[in-house]
Amino acid sequence: VIGAWQATRSTGQLVRPGRAVAVEPKVMDLLWCLTAHGTAVVPRDTLIETCWPRRVVTDDALARTVSKLRQALGDT
């Protein structure tokens, strides 16, 4: 549970009263990583290692994934 949202990793669904959103697996991976750390700031390298293990990705890939997550949650 994230605020009013219920996240189901296996289905890629974010659900809150009156709204359901399907998100990409990488977006859900990012959400899982962030929530696993509670309110702590998660280092960029940790996010990349968690979401893209054993791959070389750019900061832009992380930024796009964060943007998709914020959009799915309705965060401005």
PDB file of N, CA and C in Angstrom:
ATOM      1  N   VAL A   1       0.849  -1.182   0.000  1.00  0.00           N
ATOM      2  CA  VAL A   1       0.000   0.000   0.000  1.00  0.00           C
ATOM      3  C   VAL A   1       0.888   1.237   0.000  1.00  0.00           C
ATOM      4  N   ILE A   2       0.612   2.147  -0.902  1.00  0.00           N
ATOM      5  CA  ILE A   2       1.333   3.402  -1.023  1.00  0.00           C
ATOM      6  C   ILE A   2       0.285   4.505  -0.976  1.00  0.00           C
ATOM      7  N   GLY A   3       0.149   5.145   0.170  1.00  0.00           N
ATOM      8  CA  GLY A   3      -0.906   6.140   0.328  1.00  0.00           C
ATOM      9  C   GLY A   3      -2.255   5.485   0.102  1.00  0.00           C
ATOM     10  N   ALA A   4      -3.031   6.014  -0.827  1.00  0.00           N
ATOM     11  CA  ALA A   4      -4.340   5.444  -1.157  1.00  0.00           C
ATOM     12  C   ALA A   4      -4.235   4.328  -2.187  1.00  0.00           C
ATOM     13  N   TRP A   5      -3.033   4.088  -2.694  1.00  0.00           N
ATOM     14  CA  TRP A   5      -2.822   3.108  -3.762  1.00  0.00           C
ATOM     15  C   TRP A   5      -2.497   1.729  -3.210  1.00  0.00           C
ATOM     16  N   GLN A   6      -3.014   0.721  -3.878  1.00  0.00           N
ATOM     17  CA  GLN A   6      -2.650  -0.675  -3.632  1.00  0.00           C
ATOM     18  C   GLN A   6      -1.892  -1.130  -4.878  1.00  0.00           C
ATOM     19  N   ALA A   7      -0.660  -1.588  -4.706  1.00  0.00           N
ATOM     20  CA  ALA A   7       0.159  -2.033  -5.837  1.00  0.00           C
ATOM     21  C   ALA A   7       0.245  -3.554  -5.838  1.00  0.00           C
ATOM     22  N   THR A   8       0.049  -4.138  -7.007  1.00  0.00           N
ATOM     23  CA  THR A   8       0.195  -5.578  -7.176  1.00  0.00           C
ATOM     24  C   THR A   8       1.273  -5.802  -8.226  1.00  0.00           C
ATOM     25  N   ARG A   9       2.425  -6.245  -7.756  1.00  0.00           N
ATOM     26  CA  ARG A   9       3.571  -6.372  -8.652  1.00  0.00           C
ATOM     27  C   ARG A   9       3.333  -7.387  -9.762  1.00  0.00           C
ATOM     28  N   SER A  10       2.735  -8.524  -9.422  1.00  0.00           N
ATOM     29  CA  SER A  10       2.564  -9.597 -10.409  1.00  0.00           C
ATOM     30  C   SER A  10       1.675  -9.191 -11.586  1.00  0.00           C
ATOM     31  N   THR A  11       0.733  -8.290 -11.357  1.00  0.00           N
ATOM     32  CA  THR A  11      -0.158  -7.859 -12.433  1.00  0.00           C
ATOM     33  C   THR A  11       0.199  -6.493 -13.003  1.00  0.00           C
ATOM     34  N   GLY A  12       1.100  -5.781 -12.312  1.00  0.00           N
ATOM     35  CA  GLY A  12       1.462  -4.447 -12.767  1.00  0.00           C
ATOM     36  C   GLY A  12       0.346  -3.437 -12.581  1.00  0.00           C
ATOM     37  N   GLN A  13      -0.504  -3.669 -11.596  1.00  0.00           N
ATOM     38  CA  GLN A  13      -1.655  -2.804 -11.362  1.00  0.00           C
ATOM     39  C   GLN A  13      -1.460  -1.913 -10.145  1.00  0.00           C
ATOM     40  N   LEU A  14      -1.830  -0.657 -10.309  1.00  0.00           N
ATOM     41  CA  LEU A  14      -1.950   0.284  -9.200  1.00  0.00           C
ATOM     42  C   LEU A  14      -3.431   0.609  -9.101  1.00  0.00           C
ATOM     43  N   VAL A  15      -4.005   0.400  -7.920  1.00  0.00           N
ATOM     44  CA  VAL A  15      -5.443   0.588  -7.752  1.00  0.00           C
ATOM     45  C   VAL A  15      -5.697   1.464  -6.537  1.00  0.00           C
ATOM     46  N   ARG A  16      -6.606   2.398  -6.689  1.00  0.00           N
ATOM     47  CA  ARG A  16      -7.119   3.182  -5.564  1.00  0.00           C
ATOM     48  C   ARG A  16      -8.614   3.332  -5.817  1.00  0.00           C
ATOM     49  N   PRO A  17      -9.372   3.741  -4.825  1.00  0.00           N
ATOM     50  CA  PRO A  17     -10.812   3.881  -5.048  1.00  0.00           C
ATOM     51  C   PRO A  17     -11.117   4.747  -6.275  1.00  0.00           C
ATOM     52  N   GLY A  18     -11.824   4.169  -7.204  1.00  0.00           N
ATOM     53  CA  GLY A  18     -12.240   4.893  -8.396  1.00  0.00           C
ATOM     54  C   GLY A  18     -11.230   4.932  -9.530  1.00  0.00           C
ATOM     55  N   ARG A  19     -10.079   4.301  -9.354  1.00  0.00           N
ATOM     56  CA  ARG A  19      -9.075   4.364 -10.414  1.00  0.00           C
ATOM     57  C   ARG A  19      -8.148   3.163 -10.372  1.00  0.00           C
ATOM     58  N   ALA A  20      -7.860   2.617 -11.550  1.00  0.00           N
ATOM     59  CA  ALA A  20      -6.884   1.549 -11.693  1.00  0.00           C
ATOM     60  C   ALA A  20      -5.958   1.914 -12.847  1.00  0.00           C
ATOM     61  N   VAL A  21      -4.676   1.675 -12.650  1.00  0.00           N
ATOM     62  CA  VAL A  21      -3.677   2.018 -13.663  1.00  0.00           C
ATOM     63  C   VAL A  21      -2.760   0.823 -13.852  1.00  0.00           C
ATOM     64  N   ALA A  22      -2.531   0.456 -15.104  1.00  0.00           N
ATOM     65  CA  ALA A  22      -1.550  -0.579 -15.418  1.00  0.00           C
ATOM     66  C   ALA A  22      -0.220   0.110 -15.706  1.00  0.00           C
ATOM     67  N   VAL A  23       0.864  -0.415 -15.139  1.00  0.00           N
ATOM     68  CA  VAL A  23       2.183   0.170 -15.376  1.00  0.00           C
ATOM     69  C   VAL A  23       3.125  -0.892 -15.919  1.00  0.00           C
ATOM     70  N   GLU A  24       4.145  -0.428 -16.599  1.00  0.00           N
ATOM     71  CA  GLU A  24       5.160  -1.309 -17.168  1.00  0.00           C
ATOM     72  C   GLU A  24       5.951  -1.991 -16.050  1.00  0.00           C
ATOM     73  N   PRO A  25       6.516  -3.154 -16.346  1.00  0.00           N
ATOM     74  CA  PRO A  25       7.301  -3.858 -15.321  1.00  0.00           C
ATOM     75  C   PRO A  25       8.428  -3.017 -14.715  1.00  0.00           C
ATOM     76  N   LYS A  26       9.142  -2.238 -15.507  1.00  0.00           N
ATOM     77  CA  LYS A  26      10.230  -1.408 -14.968  1.00  0.00           C
ATOM     78  C   LYS A  26       9.701  -0.352 -14.010  1.00  0.00           C
ATOM     79  N   VAL A  27       8.531   0.174 -14.307  1.00  0.00           N
ATOM     80  CA  VAL A  27       7.915   1.164 -13.434  1.00  0.00           C
ATOM     81  C   VAL A  27       7.560   0.510 -12.098  1.00  0.00           C
ATOM     82  N   MET A  28       7.024  -0.686 -12.151  1.00  0.00           N
ATOM     83  CA  MET A  28       6.695  -1.402 -10.921  1.00  0.00           C
ATOM     84  C   MET A  28       7.965  -1.770 -10.160  1.00  0.00           C
ATOM     85  N   ASP A  29       9.026  -2.157 -10.863  1.00  0.00           N
ATOM     86  CA  ASP A  29      10.304  -2.443 -10.207  1.00  0.00           C
ATOM     87  C   ASP A  29      10.808  -1.211  -9.452  1.00  0.00           C
ATOM     88  N   LEU A  30      10.699  -0.067 -10.086  1.00  0.00           N
ATOM     89  CA  LEU A  30      11.124   1.186  -9.453  1.00  0.00           C
ATOM     90  C   LEU A  30      10.295   1.462  -8.212  1.00  0.00           C
ATOM     91  N   LEU A  31       8.993   1.324  -8.314  1.00  0.00           N
ATOM     92  CA  LEU A  31       8.118   1.553  -7.172  1.00  0.00           C
ATOM     93  C   LEU A  31       8.472   0.606  -6.030  1.00  0.00           C
ATOM     94  N   TRP A  32       8.701  -0.652  -6.337  1.00  0.00           N
ATOM     95  CA  TRP A  32       9.047  -1.642  -5.314  1.00  0.00           C
ATOM     96  C   TRP A  32      10.360  -1.272  -4.628  1.00  0.00           C
ATOM     97  N   CYS A  33      11.319  -0.843  -5.405  1.00  0.00           N
ATOM     98  CA  CYS A  33      12.612  -0.450  -4.838  1.00  0.00           C
ATOM     99  C   CYS A  33      12.445   0.757  -3.914  1.00  0.00           C
ATOM    100  N   LEU A  34      11.717   1.743  -4.360  1.00  0.00           N
ATOM    101  CA  LEU A  34      11.520   2.943  -3.554  1.00  0.00           C
ATOM    102  C   LEU A  34      10.779   2.634  -2.255  1.00  0.00           C
ATOM    103  N   THR A  35       9.728   1.847  -2.330  1.00  0.00           N
ATOM    104  CA  THR A  35       8.964   1.545  -1.127  1.00  0.00           C
ATOM    105  C   THR A  35       9.736   0.638  -0.174  1.00  0.00           C
ATOM    106  N   ALA A  36      10.622  -0.175  -0.693  1.00  0.00           N
ATOM    107  CA  ALA A  36      11.432  -1.045   0.165  1.00  0.00           C
ATOM    108  C   ALA A  36      12.356  -0.233   1.065  1.00  0.00           C
ATOM    109  N   HIS A  37      12.683   0.988   0.648  1.00  0.00           N
ATOM    110  CA  HIS A  37      13.580   1.841   1.419  1.00  0.00           C
ATOM    111  C   HIS A  37      12.838   2.839   2.305  1.00  0.00           C
ATOM    112  N   GLY A  38      11.518   2.718   2.351  1.00  0.00           N
ATOM    113  CA  GLY A  38      10.733   3.616   3.207  1.00  0.00           C
ATOM    114  C   GLY A  38      10.890   5.061   2.790  1.00  0.00           C
ATOM    115  N   THR A  39      11.215   5.913   3.752  1.00  0.00           N
ATOM    116  CA  THR A  39      11.350   7.340   3.459  1.00  0.00           C
ATOM    117  C   THR A  39      12.795   7.743   3.149  1.00  0.00           C
ATOM    118  N   ALA A  40      13.698   6.770   3.132  1.00  0.00           N
ATOM    119  CA  ALA A  40      15.108   7.072   2.864  1.00  0.00           C
ATOM    120  C   ALA A  40      15.304   7.445   1.393  1.00  0.00           C
ATOM    121  N   VAL A  41      16.269   8.290   1.167  1.00  0.00           N
ATOM    122  CA  VAL A  41      16.659   8.623  -0.204  1.00  0.00           C
ATOM    123  C   VAL A  41      17.398   7.417  -0.784  1.00  0.00           C
ATOM    124  N   VAL A  42      16.976   6.995  -1.966  1.00  0.00           N
ATOM    125  CA  VAL A  42      17.588   5.828  -2.604  1.00  0.00           C
ATOM    126  C   VAL A  42      18.592   6.325  -3.638  1.00  0.00           C
ATOM    127  N   PRO A  43      19.849   5.918  -3.504  1.00  0.00           N
ATOM    128  CA  PRO A  43      20.857   6.369  -4.470  1.00  0.00           C
ATOM    129  C   PRO A  43      20.532   5.919  -5.897  1.00  0.00           C
ATOM    130  N   ARG A  44      20.882   6.771  -6.829  1.00  0.00           N
ATOM    131  CA  ARG A  44      20.678   6.498  -8.248  1.00  0.00           C
ATOM    132  C   ARG A  44      21.227   5.136  -8.636  1.00  0.00           C
ATOM    133  N   ASP A  45      22.438   4.819  -8.195  1.00  0.00           N
ATOM    134  CA  ASP A  45      23.055   3.538  -8.553  1.00  0.00           C
ATOM    135  C   ASP A  45      22.242   2.357  -8.044  1.00  0.00           C
ATOM    136  N   THR A  46      21.649   2.493  -6.871  1.00  0.00           N
ATOM    137  CA  THR A  46      20.811   1.419  -6.330  1.00  0.00           C
ATOM    138  C   THR A  46      19.573   1.226  -7.192  1.00  0.00           C
ATOM    139  N   LEU A  47      18.970   2.331  -7.613  1.00  0.00           N
ATOM    140  CA  LEU A  47      17.790   2.242  -8.480  1.00  0.00           C
ATOM    141  C   LEU A  47      18.135   1.557  -9.799  1.00  0.00           C
ATOM    142  N   ILE A  48      19.240   1.944 -10.384  1.00  0.00           N
ATOM    143  CA  ILE A  48      19.642   1.356 -11.666  1.00  0.00           C
ATOM    144  C   ILE A  48      19.980  -0.123 -11.507  1.00  0.00           C
ATOM    145  N   GLU A  49      20.719  -0.467 -10.456  1.00  0.00           N
ATOM    146  CA  GLU A  49      21.073  -1.872 -10.233  1.00  0.00           C
ATOM    147  C   GLU A  49      19.839  -2.733  -9.979  1.00  0.00           C
ATOM    148  N   THR A  50      18.839  -2.170  -9.321  1.00  0.00           N
ATOM    149  CA  THR A  50      17.616  -2.912  -9.017  1.00  0.00           C
ATOM    150  C   THR A  50      16.737  -3.073 -10.252  1.00  0.00           C
ATOM    151  N   CYS A  51      16.561  -2.013 -10.999  1.00  0.00           N
ATOM    152  CA  CYS A  51      15.641  -2.028 -12.135  1.00  0.00           C
ATOM    153  C   CYS A  51      16.254  -2.572 -13.426  1.00  0.00           C
ATOM    154  N   TRP A  52      17.555  -2.412 -13.573  1.00  0.00           N
ATOM    155  CA  TRP A  52      18.246  -2.863 -14.789  1.00  0.00           C
ATOM    156  C   TRP A  52      19.492  -3.663 -14.399  1.00  0.00           C
ATOM    157  N   PRO A  53      19.317  -4.797 -13.746  1.00  0.00           N
ATOM    158  CA  PRO A  53      20.493  -5.553 -13.290  1.00  0.00           C
ATOM    159  C   PRO A  53      21.367  -6.001 -14.469  1.00  0.00           C
ATOM    160  N   ARG A  54      22.652  -5.859 -14.270  1.00  0.00           N
ATOM    161  CA  ARG A  54      23.651  -6.298 -15.260  1.00  0.00           C
ATOM    162  C   ARG A  54      23.459  -5.654 -16.639  1.00  0.00           C
ATOM    163  N   ARG A  55      22.923  -4.432 -16.658  1.00  0.00           N
ATOM    164  CA  ARG A  55      22.777  -3.698 -17.918  1.00  0.00           C
ATOM    165  C   ARG A  55      23.344  -2.306 -17.742  1.00  0.00           C
ATOM    166  N   VAL A  56      23.809  -1.762 -18.835  1.00  0.00           N
ATOM    167  CA  VAL A  56      24.284  -0.385 -18.838  1.00  0.00           C
ATOM    168  C   VAL A  56      23.127   0.466 -19.356  1.00  0.00           C
ATOM    169  N   VAL A  57      22.672   1.396 -18.512  1.00  0.00           N
ATOM    170  CA  VAL A  57      21.589   2.295 -18.927  1.00  0.00           C
ATOM    171  C   VAL A  57      21.992   3.733 -18.606  1.00  0.00           C
ATOM    172  N   THR A  58      21.349   4.640 -19.268  1.00  0.00           N
ATOM    173  CA  THR A  58      21.644   6.057 -19.057  1.00  0.00           C
ATOM    174  C   THR A  58      20.751   6.633 -17.962  1.00  0.00           C
ATOM    175  N   ASP A  59      21.130   7.803 -17.494  1.00  0.00           N
ATOM    176  CA  ASP A  59      20.291   8.512 -16.530  1.00  0.00           C
ATOM    177  C   ASP A  59      18.933   8.827 -17.135  1.00  0.00           C
ATOM    178  N   ASP A  60      18.896   8.981 -18.457  1.00  0.00           N
ATOM    179  CA  ASP A  60      17.638   9.283 -19.137  1.00  0.00           C
ATOM    180  C   ASP A  60      16.631   8.143 -18.965  1.00  0.00           C
ATOM    181  N   ALA A  61      17.091   6.907 -18.995  1.00  0.00           N
ATOM    182  CA  ALA A  61      16.185   5.762 -18.798  1.00  0.00           C
ATOM    183  C   ALA A  61      15.561   5.818 -17.409  1.00  0.00           C
ATOM    184  N   LEU A  62      16.360   6.137 -16.412  1.00  0.00           N
ATOM    185  CA  LEU A  62      15.840   6.265 -15.053  1.00  0.00           C
ATOM    186  C   LEU A  62      14.864   7.433 -14.967  1.00  0.00           C
ATOM    187  N   ALA A  63      15.214   8.551 -15.546  1.00  0.00           N
ATOM    188  CA  ALA A  63      14.345   9.735 -15.511  1.00  0.00           C
ATOM    189  C   ALA A  63      12.998   9.448 -16.179  1.00  0.00           C
ATOM    190  N   ARG A  64      13.007   8.752 -17.310  1.00  0.00           N
ATOM    191  CA  ARG A  64      11.757   8.407 -18.002  1.00  0.00           C
ATOM    192  C   ARG A  64      10.896   7.485 -17.142  1.00  0.00           C
ATOM    193  N   THR A  65      11.532   6.534 -16.467  1.00  0.00           N
ATOM    194  CA  THR A  65      10.791   5.593 -15.623  1.00  0.00           C
ATOM    195  C   THR A  65      10.197   6.305 -14.416  1.00  0.00           C
ATOM    196  N   VAL A  66      10.958   7.205 -13.808  1.00  0.00           N
ATOM    197  CA  VAL A  66      10.433   8.010 -12.693  1.00  0.00           C
ATOM    198  C   VAL A  66       9.251   8.841 -13.187  1.00  0.00           C
ATOM    199  N   SER A  67       9.364   9.435 -14.351  1.00  0.00           N
ATOM    200  CA  SER A  67       8.287  10.241 -14.907  1.00  0.00           C
ATOM    201  C   SER A  67       7.023   9.405 -15.123  1.00  0.00           C
ATOM    202  N   LYS A  68       7.169   8.208 -15.638  1.00  0.00           N
ATOM    203  CA  LYS A  68       6.021   7.318 -15.855  1.00  0.00           C
ATOM    204  C   LYS A  68       5.353   6.948 -14.533  1.00  0.00           C
ATOM    205  N   LEU A  69       6.168   6.702 -13.502  1.00  0.00           N
ATOM    206  CA  LEU A  69       5.620   6.367 -12.195  1.00  0.00           C
ATOM    207  C   LEU A  69       4.841   7.554 -11.629  1.00  0.00           C
ATOM    208  N   ARG A  70       5.433   8.733 -11.702  1.00  0.00           N
ATOM    209  CA  ARG A  70       4.766   9.938 -11.190  1.00  0.00           C
ATOM    210  C   ARG A  70       3.454  10.169 -11.936  1.00  0.00           C
ATOM    211  N   GLN A  71       3.461   9.968 -13.247  1.00  0.00           N
ATOM    212  CA  GLN A  71       2.245  10.148 -14.044  1.00  0.00           C
ATOM    213  C   GLN A  71       1.176   9.131 -13.632  1.00  0.00           C
ATOM    214  N   ALA A  72       1.570   7.882 -13.436  1.00  0.00           N
ATOM    215  CA  ALA A  72       0.615   6.841 -13.049  1.00  0.00           C
ATOM    216  C   ALA A  72      -0.019   7.157 -11.690  1.00  0.00           C
ATOM    217  N   LEU A  73       0.770   7.713 -10.780  1.00  0.00           N
ATOM    218  CA  LEU A  73       0.268   8.044  -9.450  1.00  0.00           C
ATOM    219  C   LEU A  73      -0.453   9.392  -9.403  1.00  0.00           C
ATOM    220  N   GLY A  74      -0.436  10.114 -10.523  1.00  0.00           N
ATOM    221  CA  GLY A  74      -1.084  11.421 -10.571  1.00  0.00           C
ATOM    222  C   GLY A  74      -0.306  12.495  -9.841  1.00  0.00           C
ATOM    223  N   ASP A  75       1.016  12.306  -9.741  1.00  0.00           N
ATOM    224  CA  ASP A  75       1.877  13.268  -9.038  1.00  0.00           C
ATOM    225  C   ASP A  75       2.307  14.358 -10.003  1.00  0.00           C
ATOM    226  N   THR A  76       2.080  15.595  -9.624  1.00  0.00           N
ATOM    227  CA  THR A  76       2.494  16.709 -10.470  1.00  0.00           C
ATOM    228  C   THR A  76       3.809  17.253  -9.991  1.00  0.00           C
TER     229      THR A  76
END
